[in-house]
């Protein structure tokens, strides 16, 4: 299941940047369709993540990873919606990238992640 979770969040990040670029180019119809697909992928990320948390003995690190993952999805969605509306969103990028990086690093550090 770890592979499904990793594939789902990698797909989510790729779709997010595609949606962002489409909104930036003004292709609202294409961006809206892809944004809907991105939201479905968020559900896959959440479902596989909750399954992974339920399949291991829950520690504080796992709960932090789950919280950071939910925050990451929230910030990705907020940045995409702000871009769609043409509002200022630059400070959100800092938080979004920081939370995304923290989520990935914590996920790699936890027992189901990669050992360095």
Protein backbone atom coordinates (compact mmCIF):
# COMPACT_ATOMS: atom_id res chain seq x y z
CA UNK A 1 0.00 0.00 0.00
CA UNK A 2 2.96 2.31 0.51
CA UNK A 3 3.61 2.29 -3.23
CA UNK A 4 0.01 3.30 -3.94
CA UNK A 5 0.27 6.14 -1.46
CA UNK A 6 3.53 7.41 -2.95
CA UNK A 7 2.13 7.14 -6.49
CA UNK A 8 -1.02 9.01 -5.43
CA UNK A 9 0.82 11.93 -3.87
CA UNK A 10 3.32 12.17 -6.73
CA UNK A 11 0.37 12.27 -9.13
CA UNK A 12 -1.24 14.94 -6.93
CA UNK A 13 1.85 17.14 -7.07
CA UNK A 14 2.13 16.73 -10.86
CA UNK A 15 -1.58 17.47 -11.32
CA UNK A 16 -1.30 20.49 -9.03
CA UNK A 17 1.46 22.03 -11.13
CA UNK A 18 -0.48 21.25 -14.32
CA UNK A 19 -3.58 22.95 -12.88
CA UNK A 20 -1.48 25.90 -11.77
CA UNK A 21 0.07 26.34 -15.23
CA UNK A 22 -3.32 26.04 -16.94
CA UNK A 23 -4.83 28.69 -14.65
CA UNK A 24 -1.79 30.88 -15.27
CA UNK A 25 -2.25 30.59 -19.05
CA UNK A 26 -5.96 31.43 -18.71
CA UNK A 27 -7.23 28.04 -19.90
CA UNK A 28 -9.98 27.95 -17.30
CA UNK A 29 -12.07 25.13 -18.77
CA UNK A 30 -9.14 22.70 -19.02
CA UNK A 31 -7.86 23.76 -15.61
CA UNK A 32 -11.29 23.22 -14.03
CA UNK A 33 -11.51 19.67 -15.39
CA UNK A 34 -7.99 18.85 -14.25
CA UNK A 35 -8.69 20.49 -10.89
CA UNK A 36 -11.62 18.12 -10.42
CA UNK A 37 -9.37 15.16 -11.19
CA UNK A 38 -6.83 16.55 -8.71
CA UNK A 39 -9.50 16.67 -6.01
CA UNK A 40 -10.32 13.02 -6.67
CA UNK A 41 -6.64 12.22 -6.35
CA UNK A 42 -6.61 14.01 -2.99
CA UNK A 43 -9.18 11.43 -1.86
CA UNK A 44 -6.86 8.62 -3.00
CA UNK A 45 -3.97 10.17 -1.09
CA UNK A 46 -6.09 10.51 2.04
CA UNK A 47 -7.55 7.00 1.79
CA UNK A 48 -4.19 5.32 1.25
CA UNK A 49 -2.60 7.45 3.97
CA UNK A 50 -5.27 6.58 6.52
CA UNK A 51 -4.92 2.92 5.57
CA UNK A 52 -1.18 3.10 6.18
CA UNK A 53 -1.68 4.79 9.56
CA UNK A 54 -4.22 2.13 10.54
CA UNK A 55 -1.90 -0.70 9.49
CA UNK A 56 0.97 0.24 11.83
CA UNK A 57 1.22 0.90 15.54
CA UNK A 58 0.36 4.56 15.77
CA UNK A 59 3.06 6.83 17.13
CA UNK A 60 3.36 10.58 17.46
CA UNK A 61 5.37 10.65 14.22
CA UNK A 62 2.56 8.95 12.32
CA UNK A 63 0.01 11.40 13.70
CA UNK A 64 2.27 14.33 12.76
CA UNK A 65 2.69 12.94 9.26
CA UNK A 66 -1.08 12.59 8.90
CA UNK A 67 -1.63 16.15 10.13
CA UNK A 68 1.07 17.53 7.81
CA UNK A 69 -0.39 15.55 4.92
CA UNK A 70 -3.84 17.04 5.48
CA UNK A 71 -2.30 20.51 5.78
CA UNK A 72 -0.37 19.93 2.54
CA UNK A 73 -3.54 19.03 0.67
CA UNK A 74 -5.24 22.08 2.14
CA UNK A 75 -2.44 24.43 1.11
CA UNK A 76 -2.26 22.95 -2.40
CA UNK A 77 -5.98 23.52 -2.79
CA UNK A 78 -5.82 27.05 -1.40
CA UNK A 79 -2.96 28.03 -3.74
CA UNK A 80 -4.82 26.59 -6.76
CA UNK A 81 -8.04 28.42 -5.89
CA UNK A 82 -6.20 31.69 -5.29
CA UNK A 83 -4.53 31.34 -8.70
CA UNK A 84 -7.92 30.64 -10.28
CA UNK A 85 -9.37 33.82 -8.76
CA UNK A 86 -6.29 35.87 -9.62
CA UNK A 87 -5.69 36.84 -5.98
CA UNK A 88 -2.36 37.34 -4.24
CA UNK A 89 -1.02 33.97 -3.12
CA UNK A 90 2.77 34.35 -2.84
CA UNK A 91 3.01 33.99 0.99
CA UNK A 92 0.95 30.81 0.73
CA UNK A 93 3.58 29.29 -1.57
CA UNK A 94 6.14 29.49 1.22
CA UNK A 95 3.87 27.67 3.67
CA UNK A 96 2.76 25.21 1.00
CA UNK A 97 6.29 24.23 0.00
CA UNK A 98 7.49 24.11 3.62
CA UNK A 99 4.63 21.83 4.68
CA UNK A 100 5.03 19.67 1.56
CA UNK A 101 8.75 19.28 2.21
CA UNK A 102 8.19 18.51 5.88
CA UNK A 103 5.56 15.92 5.02
CA UNK A 104 7.81 14.18 2.52
CA UNK A 105 10.83 14.20 4.85
CA UNK A 106 8.81 12.90 7.79
CA UNK A 107 7.27 10.23 5.58
CA UNK A 108 10.72 9.09 4.49
CA UNK A 109 11.95 9.05 8.08
CA UNK A 110 9.10 6.93 9.49
CA UNK A 111 9.45 3.12 9.56
CA UNK A 112 7.65 2.55 6.25
CA UNK A 113 9.88 5.16 4.56
CA UNK A 114 13.37 4.98 3.10
CA UNK A 115 16.39 4.73 5.37
CA UNK A 116 19.25 7.09 4.52
